[in-house]
Amino acid sequence: MKKHLPVAAGTVAAVAVLALAAPTAVGAATGPSAATTAAAPAGATAPAPARIRTVRSGERVDAGRGYTVWLTEEGKHWADPDGFENFRSVVDGNVDRSEPGVSHQSEGTAEGVFHSGLYYGTTRAGRVELTDSGGRRTVATLLALPGRSDWGVWYAHTPASTDRGGLAVALYDRRGALLADLPAGPF
């Protein structure tokens, strides 16, 4: 039986942003930092922890399919294929880093969806995983700043879906224990 940590209503922020983006090819190569997607039967062993890539403040990371992600001391920044930039703060009081949590933003087209978010409130982060209503799991790529072990950024790509059940997002520690999650919901 899965144990879920209780999470207070403002502790975990979920934001779904649907925006127009330039068309991308599903299955296009996204480089060595691309997240992996795998169909997993119920009860399957969890994947190994993701390696957390340490990046310099302001260092732009190619997140694949025209998306770019970068971190600063203030939070997560990302740009879509059209160059439109977004920001998610970790210092404005909307993220409670005293407890483990995860946020989720997404945007895409009929060709595919880019997902990203913050993970925070733990020095034991091991992986972030997205799961669709059919059980298909996508392991995200994790980024962090040097010396900022209590928060970082995750990102992944999934195929476009007409499934209105949405995606669940979960943060696991390095041993595979669930730290925080966002239940699936339409967005």
N, C-alpha and C. Protein backbone atom coordinates (compact mmCIF):
# COMPACT_ATOMS: atom_id res chain seq x y z
N MET A 1 0.84 -1.17 0.00
CA MET A 1 0.00 0.00 0.00
C MET A 1 0.89 1.23 0.00
N LYS A 2 0.57 2.19 -0.86
CA LYS A 2 1.34 3.43 -0.92
C LYS A 2 0.97 4.32 0.24
N LYS A 3 1.98 4.91 0.84
CA LYS A 3 1.73 5.89 1.88
C LYS A 3 1.92 7.26 1.26
N HIS A 4 1.02 8.15 1.54
CA HIS A 4 1.11 9.51 1.04
C HIS A 4 1.24 10.45 2.22
N LEU A 5 2.18 11.36 2.13
CA LEU A 5 2.31 12.36 3.18
C LEU A 5 1.18 13.35 3.06
N PRO A 6 0.58 13.75 4.17
CA PRO A 6 -0.46 14.77 4.07
C PRO A 6 0.16 16.08 3.61
N VAL A 7 -0.51 16.75 2.72
CA VAL A 7 0.01 18.00 2.18
C VAL A 7 -1.07 19.05 2.35
N ALA A 8 -0.72 20.14 2.99
CA ALA A 8 -1.68 21.22 3.21
C ALA A 8 -1.97 21.94 1.92
N ALA A 9 -3.17 22.49 1.76
CA ALA A 9 -3.57 23.18 0.52
C ALA A 9 -2.59 24.23 0.08
N GLY A 10 -1.95 24.94 0.26
CA GLY A 10 -0.99 25.91 -0.27
C GLY A 10 0.41 25.36 -0.32
N THR A 11 0.65 24.13 0.23
CA THR A 11 2.00 23.59 0.21
C THR A 11 2.40 23.12 -1.17
N VAL A 12 1.49 22.50 -1.87
CA VAL A 12 1.81 21.99 -3.19
C VAL A 12 1.05 22.83 -4.20
N ALA A 13 1.77 23.46 -5.08
CA ALA A 13 1.15 24.32 -6.08
C ALA A 13 1.10 23.61 -7.40
N ALA A 14 -0.05 23.60 -8.00
CA ALA A 14 -0.19 23.01 -9.34
C ALA A 14 -0.76 24.06 -10.25
N VAL A 15 -0.05 24.32 -11.29
CA VAL A 15 -0.51 25.30 -12.25
C VAL A 15 -0.45 24.65 -13.61
N ALA A 16 -1.52 24.71 -14.32
CA ALA A 16 -1.51 24.18 -15.67
C ALA A 16 -1.66 25.34 -16.62
N VAL A 17 -0.68 25.50 -17.46
CA VAL A 17 -0.70 26.59 -18.41
C VAL A 17 -0.72 26.00 -19.80
N LEU A 18 -1.78 26.24 -20.51
CA LEU A 18 -1.85 25.78 -21.88
C LEU A 18 -1.55 26.98 -22.77
N ALA A 19 -0.53 26.85 -23.56
CA ALA A 19 -0.16 27.96 -24.42
C ALA A 19 0.16 27.42 -25.80
N LEU A 20 0.05 28.25 -26.78
CA LEU A 20 0.41 27.85 -28.13
C LEU A 20 1.91 27.78 -28.22
N ALA A 21 2.39 26.75 -28.86
CA ALA A 21 3.82 26.59 -29.05
C ALA A 21 4.05 26.16 -30.48
N ALA A 22 5.24 26.36 -30.95
CA ALA A 22 5.56 25.94 -32.31
C ALA A 22 5.42 24.44 -32.41
N PRO A 23 4.96 23.93 -33.55
CA PRO A 23 4.82 22.48 -33.69
C PRO A 23 6.15 21.78 -33.51
N THR A 24 6.09 20.63 -32.85
CA THR A 24 7.27 19.82 -32.66
C THR A 24 6.95 18.41 -33.12
N ALA A 25 7.98 17.67 -33.40
CA ALA A 25 7.78 16.31 -33.86
C ALA A 25 7.77 15.37 -32.67
N VAL A 26 6.73 14.58 -32.53
CA VAL A 26 6.67 13.59 -31.46
C VAL A 26 7.79 12.60 -31.69
N GLY A 27 8.51 12.31 -30.63
CA GLY A 27 9.60 11.36 -30.74
C GLY A 27 10.89 11.99 -31.24
N ALA A 28 10.91 13.30 -31.46
CA ALA A 28 12.13 13.96 -31.91
C ALA A 28 13.21 13.80 -30.85
N ALA A 29 14.43 13.68 -31.29
CA ALA A 29 15.54 13.53 -30.35
C ALA A 29 15.63 14.78 -29.49
N THR A 30 15.86 14.58 -28.22
CA THR A 30 15.95 15.70 -27.31
C THR A 30 17.28 15.74 -26.58
N GLY A 31 18.23 14.98 -27.01
CA GLY A 31 19.56 15.06 -26.42
C GLY A 31 19.73 14.14 -25.22
N PRO A 32 20.92 14.17 -24.64
CA PRO A 32 21.25 13.25 -23.56
C PRO A 32 20.49 13.50 -22.28
N SER A 33 19.89 14.67 -22.12
CA SER A 33 19.17 14.94 -20.87
C SER A 33 17.69 14.65 -21.00
N ALA A 34 17.28 13.99 -22.08
CA ALA A 34 15.86 13.72 -22.31
C ALA A 34 15.32 12.76 -21.26
N ALA A 35 14.08 13.00 -20.84
CA ALA A 35 13.41 12.10 -19.89
C ALA A 35 13.00 10.84 -20.63
N THR A 36 12.85 9.77 -19.88
CA THR A 36 12.42 8.53 -20.49
C THR A 36 10.98 8.25 -20.15
N THR A 37 10.29 7.61 -21.06
CA THR A 37 8.90 7.24 -20.85
C THR A 37 8.82 5.73 -20.93
N ALA A 38 8.09 5.14 -19.99
CA ALA A 38 7.97 3.69 -19.98
C ALA A 38 6.59 3.29 -19.49
N ALA A 39 6.00 2.33 -20.16
CA ALA A 39 4.75 1.77 -19.66
C ALA A 39 5.12 0.79 -18.56
N ALA A 40 4.49 0.90 -17.42
CA ALA A 40 4.83 0.04 -16.29
C ALA A 40 3.57 -0.58 -15.73
N PRO A 41 3.57 -1.90 -15.57
CA PRO A 41 2.41 -2.54 -14.97
C PRO A 41 2.29 -2.15 -13.50
N ALA A 42 1.06 -2.23 -13.00
CA ALA A 42 0.82 -1.91 -11.59
C ALA A 42 1.71 -2.78 -10.73
N GLY A 43 2.28 -2.21 -9.69
CA GLY A 43 3.13 -2.96 -8.77
C GLY A 43 4.55 -3.15 -9.26
N ALA A 44 4.90 -2.57 -10.40
CA ALA A 44 6.25 -2.72 -10.93
C ALA A 44 7.25 -1.99 -10.04
N THR A 45 8.48 -2.46 -10.06
CA THR A 45 9.53 -1.83 -9.29
C THR A 45 9.77 -0.42 -9.82
N ALA A 46 9.96 0.51 -8.92
CA ALA A 46 10.19 1.91 -9.31
C ALA A 46 11.55 2.04 -9.96
N PRO A 47 11.67 2.97 -10.93
CA PRO A 47 12.95 3.21 -11.56
C PRO A 47 13.98 3.73 -10.57
N ALA A 48 15.23 3.61 -10.94
CA ALA A 48 16.31 4.13 -10.11
C ALA A 48 16.21 5.65 -10.02
N PRO A 49 16.81 6.22 -8.99
CA PRO A 49 16.79 7.67 -8.87
C PRO A 49 17.43 8.34 -10.08
N ALA A 50 16.92 9.51 -10.43
CA ALA A 50 17.49 10.29 -11.51
C ALA A 50 18.74 10.98 -11.00
N ARG A 51 19.68 11.20 -11.88
CA ARG A 51 20.84 12.00 -11.51
C ARG A 51 20.42 13.46 -11.54
N ILE A 52 20.74 14.19 -10.50
CA ILE A 52 20.41 15.61 -10.46
C ILE A 52 21.59 16.38 -11.06
N ARG A 53 21.33 17.05 -12.15
CA ARG A 53 22.37 17.82 -12.83
C ARG A 53 22.52 19.18 -12.15
N THR A 54 23.73 19.51 -11.72
CA THR A 54 24.00 20.80 -11.11
C THR A 54 24.36 21.78 -12.22
N VAL A 55 23.68 22.94 -12.22
CA VAL A 55 23.92 23.97 -13.23
C VAL A 55 24.21 25.30 -12.56
N ARG A 56 24.93 26.15 -13.24
CA ARG A 56 25.22 27.49 -12.72
C ARG A 56 23.98 28.36 -12.81
N SER A 57 23.87 29.34 -11.94
CA SER A 57 22.76 30.29 -12.00
C SER A 57 22.76 30.97 -13.36
N GLY A 58 21.62 30.93 -14.02
CA GLY A 58 21.48 31.55 -15.34
C GLY A 58 21.91 30.68 -16.51
N GLU A 59 22.52 29.52 -16.23
CA GLU A 59 22.95 28.62 -17.32
C GLU A 59 21.73 28.05 -18.02
N ARG A 60 21.64 28.29 -19.32
CA ARG A 60 20.49 27.82 -20.09
C ARG A 60 20.71 26.37 -20.50
N VAL A 61 19.68 25.55 -20.21
CA VAL A 61 19.74 24.13 -20.50
C VAL A 61 18.75 23.83 -21.62
N ASP A 62 19.23 23.15 -22.66
CA ASP A 62 18.36 22.73 -23.75
C ASP A 62 17.48 21.59 -23.22
N ALA A 63 16.19 21.87 -23.06
CA ALA A 63 15.25 20.87 -22.53
C ALA A 63 14.60 20.07 -23.64
N GLY A 64 15.02 20.27 -24.87
CA GLY A 64 14.51 19.50 -26.00
C GLY A 64 13.28 20.13 -26.63
N ARG A 65 13.12 19.83 -27.90
CA ARG A 65 11.95 20.25 -28.68
C ARG A 65 11.73 21.76 -28.65
N GLY A 66 12.81 22.52 -28.57
CA GLY A 66 12.73 23.97 -28.62
C GLY A 66 12.57 24.66 -27.27
N TYR A 67 12.48 23.93 -26.18
CA TYR A 67 12.32 24.51 -24.85
C TYR A 67 13.68 24.69 -24.18
N THR A 68 13.78 25.74 -23.38
CA THR A 68 14.99 26.03 -22.62
C THR A 68 14.59 26.27 -21.17
N VAL A 69 15.41 25.77 -20.25
CA VAL A 69 15.16 25.93 -18.81
C VAL A 69 16.42 26.49 -18.18
N TRP A 70 16.27 27.40 -17.19
CA TRP A 70 17.40 27.87 -16.41
C TRP A 70 16.93 28.23 -15.01
N LEU A 71 17.86 28.17 -14.08
CA LEU A 71 17.59 28.45 -12.67
C LEU A 71 18.37 29.69 -12.25
N THR A 72 17.78 30.46 -11.35
CA THR A 72 18.48 31.54 -10.66
C THR A 72 18.16 31.39 -9.18
N GLU A 73 18.77 32.17 -8.34
CA GLU A 73 18.47 32.12 -6.91
C GLU A 73 16.99 32.42 -6.64
N GLU A 74 16.33 33.11 -7.56
CA GLU A 74 14.92 33.48 -7.39
C GLU A 74 13.97 32.38 -7.80
N GLY A 75 14.40 31.43 -8.67
CA GLY A 75 13.51 30.36 -9.08
C GLY A 75 13.78 29.81 -10.46
N LYS A 76 12.73 29.23 -11.03
CA LYS A 76 12.78 28.53 -12.32
C LYS A 76 12.34 29.45 -13.45
N HIS A 77 13.09 29.40 -14.53
CA HIS A 77 12.75 30.15 -15.74
C HIS A 77 12.68 29.14 -16.89
N TRP A 78 11.79 29.39 -17.84
CA TRP A 78 11.76 28.55 -19.03
C TRP A 78 11.24 29.36 -20.20
N ALA A 79 11.66 28.93 -21.40
CA ALA A 79 11.24 29.59 -22.63
C ALA A 79 10.72 28.52 -23.58
N ASP A 80 9.65 28.88 -24.32
CA ASP A 80 9.08 27.94 -25.29
C ASP A 80 9.77 28.12 -26.64
N PRO A 81 9.42 27.30 -27.63
CA PRO A 81 10.07 27.39 -28.94
C PRO A 81 9.92 28.75 -29.62
N ASP A 82 8.91 29.52 -29.26
CA ASP A 82 8.74 30.87 -29.83
C ASP A 82 9.53 31.92 -29.07
N GLY A 83 10.22 31.53 -27.99
CA GLY A 83 11.00 32.47 -27.22
C GLY A 83 10.24 33.13 -26.07
N PHE A 84 8.96 32.78 -25.88
CA PHE A 84 8.18 33.34 -24.79
C PHE A 84 8.72 32.81 -23.48
N GLU A 85 9.11 33.71 -22.55
CA GLU A 85 9.71 33.31 -21.29
C GLU A 85 8.71 33.32 -20.14
N ASN A 86 8.86 32.36 -19.23
CA ASN A 86 8.02 32.22 -18.04
C ASN A 86 8.91 32.12 -16.82
N PHE A 87 8.30 32.31 -15.63
CA PHE A 87 9.06 32.27 -14.39
C PHE A 87 8.20 31.71 -13.27
N ARG A 88 8.81 30.92 -12.39
CA ARG A 88 8.15 30.40 -11.19
C ARG A 88 9.08 30.66 -10.02
N SER A 89 8.65 31.50 -9.09
CA SER A 89 9.48 31.93 -7.96
C SER A 89 9.54 30.87 -6.86
N VAL A 90 10.71 30.83 -6.19
CA VAL A 90 10.84 30.03 -4.96
C VAL A 90 11.05 30.93 -3.75
N VAL A 91 11.01 32.25 -3.96
CA VAL A 91 11.28 33.18 -2.87
C VAL A 91 10.12 34.14 -2.59
N ASP A 92 9.01 34.03 -3.30
CA ASP A 92 7.90 34.98 -3.13
C ASP A 92 6.90 34.56 -2.06
N GLY A 93 7.16 33.47 -1.36
CA GLY A 93 6.27 33.03 -0.29
C GLY A 93 5.19 32.06 -0.74
N ASN A 94 5.13 31.75 -2.02
CA ASN A 94 4.12 30.81 -2.51
C ASN A 94 4.58 29.37 -2.50
N VAL A 95 5.83 29.12 -2.18
CA VAL A 95 6.37 27.77 -2.09
C VAL A 95 6.89 27.57 -0.67
N ASP A 96 6.31 26.62 0.05
CA ASP A 96 6.72 26.33 1.42
C ASP A 96 7.82 25.27 1.38
N ARG A 97 9.07 25.71 1.45
CA ARG A 97 10.19 24.79 1.35
C ARG A 97 10.47 24.07 2.66
N SER A 98 9.61 24.24 3.67
CA SER A 98 9.81 23.52 4.92
C SER A 98 9.25 22.10 4.85
N GLU A 99 8.47 21.80 3.81
CA GLU A 99 7.92 20.46 3.60
C GLU A 99 8.15 20.04 2.16
N PRO A 100 8.34 18.74 1.89
CA PRO A 100 8.50 18.30 0.51
C PRO A 100 7.28 18.64 -0.33
N GLY A 101 7.53 19.10 -1.54
CA GLY A 101 6.45 19.44 -2.45
C GLY A 101 6.93 19.43 -3.89
N VAL A 102 5.97 19.52 -4.79
CA VAL A 102 6.26 19.52 -6.22
C VAL A 102 5.21 20.38 -6.91
N SER A 103 5.62 21.14 -7.92
CA SER A 103 4.67 21.93 -8.70
C SER A 103 4.69 21.44 -10.14
N HIS A 104 3.73 21.89 -10.93
CA HIS A 104 3.61 21.41 -12.31
C HIS A 104 3.07 22.51 -13.21
N GLN A 105 3.78 22.80 -14.26
CA GLN A 105 3.32 23.68 -15.32
C GLN A 105 3.45 22.90 -16.62
N SER A 106 2.57 23.16 -17.58
CA SER A 106 2.68 22.46 -18.86
C SER A 106 2.18 23.34 -19.98
N GLU A 107 2.68 23.08 -21.16
CA GLU A 107 2.23 23.77 -22.36
C GLU A 107 2.58 22.90 -23.55
N GLY A 108 1.78 23.00 -24.60
CA GLY A 108 2.08 22.20 -25.76
C GLY A 108 1.06 22.34 -26.87
N THR A 109 1.16 21.44 -27.79
CA THR A 109 0.31 21.41 -28.98
C THR A 109 -0.20 19.99 -29.17
N ALA A 110 -0.86 19.76 -30.29
CA ALA A 110 -1.32 18.41 -30.61
C ALA A 110 -0.16 17.46 -30.85
N GLU A 111 1.03 17.99 -31.06
CA GLU A 111 2.21 17.14 -31.31
C GLU A 111 2.92 16.69 -30.03
N GLY A 112 2.71 17.38 -28.93
CA GLY A 112 3.38 16.99 -27.69
C GLY A 112 3.27 18.06 -26.64
N VAL A 113 3.57 17.67 -25.40
CA VAL A 113 3.43 18.58 -24.26
C VAL A 113 4.75 18.63 -23.48
N PHE A 114 5.15 19.85 -23.12
CA PHE A 114 6.32 20.08 -22.28
C PHE A 114 5.82 20.31 -20.86
N HIS A 115 6.36 19.56 -19.92
CA HIS A 115 5.99 19.67 -18.51
C HIS A 115 7.23 20.10 -17.73
N SER A 116 7.03 20.94 -16.73
CA SER A 116 8.14 21.31 -15.86
C SER A 116 7.58 21.76 -14.52
N GLY A 117 8.45 21.90 -13.56
CA GLY A 117 8.01 22.33 -12.25
C GLY A 117 9.16 22.42 -11.29
N LEU A 118 8.82 22.73 -10.06
CA LEU A 118 9.78 22.78 -8.97
C LEU A 118 9.63 21.51 -8.13
N TYR A 119 10.71 21.05 -7.54
CA TYR A 119 10.64 20.11 -6.42
C TYR A 119 11.35 20.82 -5.27
N TYR A 120 10.86 20.65 -4.05
CA TYR A 120 11.39 21.47 -2.96
C TYR A 120 11.10 20.84 -1.61
N GLY A 121 11.75 21.41 -0.58
CA GLY A 121 11.50 21.00 0.79
C GLY A 121 12.19 19.73 1.22
N THR A 122 13.18 19.28 0.46
CA THR A 122 13.89 18.07 0.82
C THR A 122 15.30 18.11 0.27
N THR A 123 16.22 17.49 0.99
CA THR A 123 17.58 17.33 0.49
C THR A 123 17.77 15.90 -0.03
N ARG A 124 16.68 15.11 -0.04
CA ARG A 124 16.76 13.70 -0.43
C ARG A 124 16.09 13.43 -1.78
N ALA A 125 15.81 14.45 -2.59
CA ALA A 125 15.12 14.23 -3.86
C ALA A 125 15.86 13.19 -4.70
N GLY A 126 15.09 12.25 -5.25
CA GLY A 126 15.68 11.21 -6.07
C GLY A 126 15.16 11.22 -7.49
N ARG A 127 13.85 11.47 -7.66
CA ARG A 127 13.28 11.54 -9.00
C ARG A 127 11.90 12.17 -8.93
N VAL A 128 11.46 12.69 -10.07
CA VAL A 128 10.10 13.16 -10.28
C VAL A 128 9.55 12.33 -11.42
N GLU A 129 8.33 11.89 -11.24
CA GLU A 129 7.71 10.99 -12.22
C GLU A 129 6.29 11.45 -12.53
N LEU A 130 5.93 11.45 -13.81
CA LEU A 130 4.57 11.76 -14.25
C LEU A 130 3.91 10.44 -14.64
N THR A 131 2.64 10.27 -14.28
CA THR A 131 1.91 9.04 -14.62
C THR A 131 0.57 9.42 -15.21
N ASP A 132 0.27 8.88 -16.41
CA ASP A 132 -1.03 9.16 -17.02
C ASP A 132 -2.06 8.15 -16.53
N SER A 133 -3.31 8.33 -16.94
CA SER A 133 -4.39 7.47 -16.43
C SER A 133 -4.26 6.02 -16.88
N GLY A 134 -3.46 5.77 -17.92
CA GLY A 134 -3.22 4.41 -18.38
C GLY A 134 -2.04 3.75 -17.69
N GLY A 135 -1.38 4.45 -16.75
CA GLY A 135 -0.25 3.89 -16.03
C GLY A 135 1.10 4.14 -16.68
N ARG A 136 1.12 4.84 -17.80
CA ARG A 136 2.40 5.12 -18.47
C ARG A 136 3.16 6.16 -17.65
N ARG A 137 4.41 5.83 -17.32
CA ARG A 137 5.22 6.69 -16.48
C ARG A 137 6.31 7.38 -17.29
N THR A 138 6.55 8.64 -16.97
CA THR A 138 7.63 9.41 -17.58
C THR A 138 8.50 9.94 -16.45
N VAL A 139 9.78 9.59 -16.48
CA VAL A 139 10.72 10.06 -15.47
C VAL A 139 11.32 11.37 -15.97
N ALA A 140 11.26 12.40 -15.13
CA ALA A 140 11.72 13.73 -15.50
C ALA A 140 13.23 13.88 -15.30
N THR A 141 13.77 14.87 -15.97
CA THR A 141 15.15 15.30 -15.78
C THR A 141 15.17 16.31 -14.64
N LEU A 142 16.15 16.20 -13.74
CA LEU A 142 16.23 17.09 -12.57
C LEU A 142 17.45 18.01 -12.67
N LEU A 143 17.24 19.28 -12.29
CA LEU A 143 18.31 20.28 -12.27
C LEU A 143 18.34 20.95 -10.90
N ALA A 144 19.52 21.39 -10.47
CA ALA A 144 19.65 22.13 -9.21
C ALA A 144 20.84 23.08 -9.31
N LEU A 145 20.81 24.12 -8.51
CA LEU A 145 21.93 25.03 -8.39
C LEU A 145 22.93 24.49 -7.38
N PRO A 146 24.21 24.83 -7.50
CA PRO A 146 25.18 24.40 -6.50
C PRO A 146 24.79 24.95 -5.12
N GLY A 147 24.82 24.10 -4.12
CA GLY A 147 24.52 24.53 -2.76
C GLY A 147 23.04 24.77 -2.49
N ARG A 148 22.15 24.52 -3.44
CA ARG A 148 20.71 24.72 -3.25
C ARG A 148 20.04 23.34 -3.23
N SER A 149 20.37 22.55 -2.26
CA SER A 149 19.86 21.18 -2.23
C SER A 149 18.41 21.07 -1.78
N ASP A 150 17.81 22.18 -1.28
CA ASP A 150 16.43 22.09 -0.80
C ASP A 150 15.40 22.40 -1.89
N TRP A 151 15.84 22.70 -3.11
CA TRP A 151 14.90 22.88 -4.22
C TRP A 151 15.64 22.71 -5.54
N GLY A 152 14.86 22.43 -6.55
CA GLY A 152 15.40 22.29 -7.89
C GLY A 152 14.26 22.31 -8.89
N VAL A 153 14.59 21.99 -10.12
CA VAL A 153 13.64 22.03 -11.23
C VAL A 153 13.60 20.67 -11.91
N TRP A 154 12.44 20.30 -12.40
CA TRP A 154 12.29 19.09 -13.20
C TRP A 154 11.62 19.45 -14.53
N TYR A 155 11.87 18.62 -15.56
CA TYR A 155 11.18 18.79 -16.84
C TYR A 155 11.08 17.47 -17.57
N ALA A 156 10.06 17.37 -18.43
CA ALA A 156 9.83 16.15 -19.23
C ALA A 156 8.92 16.49 -20.40
N HIS A 157 8.92 15.63 -21.40
CA HIS A 157 8.01 15.74 -22.53
C HIS A 157 7.12 14.51 -22.56
N THR A 158 5.85 14.71 -22.92
CA THR A 158 4.93 13.58 -23.13
C THR A 158 4.22 13.80 -24.45
N PRO A 159 3.70 12.72 -25.03
CA PRO A 159 2.88 12.89 -26.22
C PRO A 159 1.62 13.67 -25.85
N ALA A 160 1.03 14.33 -26.83
CA ALA A 160 -0.25 15.00 -26.61
C ALA A 160 -1.29 13.93 -26.31
N SER A 161 -2.30 14.29 -25.55
CA SER A 161 -3.31 13.31 -25.17
C SER A 161 -4.69 13.95 -25.17
N THR A 162 -5.67 13.16 -25.52
CA THR A 162 -7.05 13.62 -25.41
C THR A 162 -7.65 13.14 -24.09
N ASP A 163 -6.85 12.42 -23.30
CA ASP A 163 -7.27 11.92 -22.00
C ASP A 163 -7.50 13.09 -21.06
N ARG A 164 -8.70 13.30 -20.61
CA ARG A 164 -9.01 14.41 -19.71
C ARG A 164 -8.73 14.07 -18.25
N GLY A 165 -8.19 12.87 -18.00
CA GLY A 165 -7.86 12.49 -16.63
C GLY A 165 -6.64 13.19 -16.10
N GLY A 166 -5.82 13.73 -17.00
CA GLY A 166 -4.64 14.46 -16.59
C GLY A 166 -3.50 13.55 -16.18
N LEU A 167 -2.47 14.15 -15.65
CA LEU A 167 -1.27 13.45 -15.21
C LEU A 167 -1.08 13.63 -13.71
N ALA A 168 -0.65 12.57 -13.06
CA ALA A 168 -0.23 12.67 -11.66
C ALA A 168 1.27 12.96 -11.67
N VAL A 169 1.74 13.76 -10.73
CA VAL A 169 3.16 14.08 -10.61
C VAL A 169 3.59 13.69 -9.21
N ALA A 170 4.70 12.96 -9.11
CA ALA A 170 5.17 12.48 -7.81
C ALA A 170 6.65 12.76 -7.63
N LEU A 171 7.01 13.14 -6.41
CA LEU A 171 8.40 13.35 -6.01
C LEU A 171 8.80 12.21 -5.09
N TYR A 172 9.89 11.52 -5.44
CA TYR A 172 10.39 10.40 -4.65
C TYR A 172 11.77 10.73 -4.11
N ASP A 173 12.12 10.10 -2.98
CA ASP A 173 13.47 10.27 -2.47
C ASP A 173 14.40 9.29 -3.17
N ARG A 174 15.67 9.29 -2.80
CA ARG A 174 16.67 8.46 -3.49
C ARG A 174 16.46 6.96 -3.28
N ARG A 175 15.70 6.60 -2.26
CA ARG A 175 15.43 5.18 -2.01
C ARG A 175 14.09 4.74 -2.60
N GLY A 176 13.37 5.66 -3.24
CA GLY A 176 12.11 5.31 -3.88
C GLY A 176 10.87 5.59 -3.05
N ALA A 177 11.01 6.18 -1.88
CA ALA A 177 9.85 6.51 -1.04
C ALA A 177 9.19 7.79 -1.56
N LEU A 178 7.87 7.78 -1.60
CA LEU A 178 7.11 8.94 -2.04
C LEU A 178 7.24 10.06 -1.01
N LEU A 179 7.62 11.26 -1.48
CA LEU A 179 7.73 12.42 -0.60
C LEU A 179 6.54 13.35 -0.74
N ALA A 180 6.07 13.54 -1.97
CA ALA A 180 4.93 14.45 -2.24
C ALA A 180 4.36 14.10 -3.60
N ASP A 181 3.08 14.41 -3.79
CA ASP A 181 2.50 14.17 -5.10
C ASP A 181 1.36 15.14 -5.38
N LEU A 182 1.09 15.26 -6.66
CA LEU A 182 -0.07 16.00 -7.16
C LEU A 182 -0.94 14.97 -7.84
N PRO A 183 -2.15 14.74 -7.35
CA PRO A 183 -3.01 13.75 -8.00
C PRO A 183 -3.37 14.18 -9.42
N ALA A 184 -3.69 13.20 -10.23
CA ALA A 184 -4.11 13.47 -11.61
C ALA A 184 -5.38 14.29 -11.60
N GLY A 185 -5.48 15.17 -12.53
CA GLY A 185 -6.67 15.99 -12.68
C GLY A 185 -6.67 16.64 -14.04
N PRO A 186 -7.83 16.98 -14.53
CA PRO A 186 -7.86 17.60 -15.86
C PRO A 186 -7.20 18.97 -15.84
N PHE A 187 -6.53 19.29 -16.91
CA PHE A 187 -5.95 20.63 -17.07
C PHE A 187 -5.86 20.98 -18.51
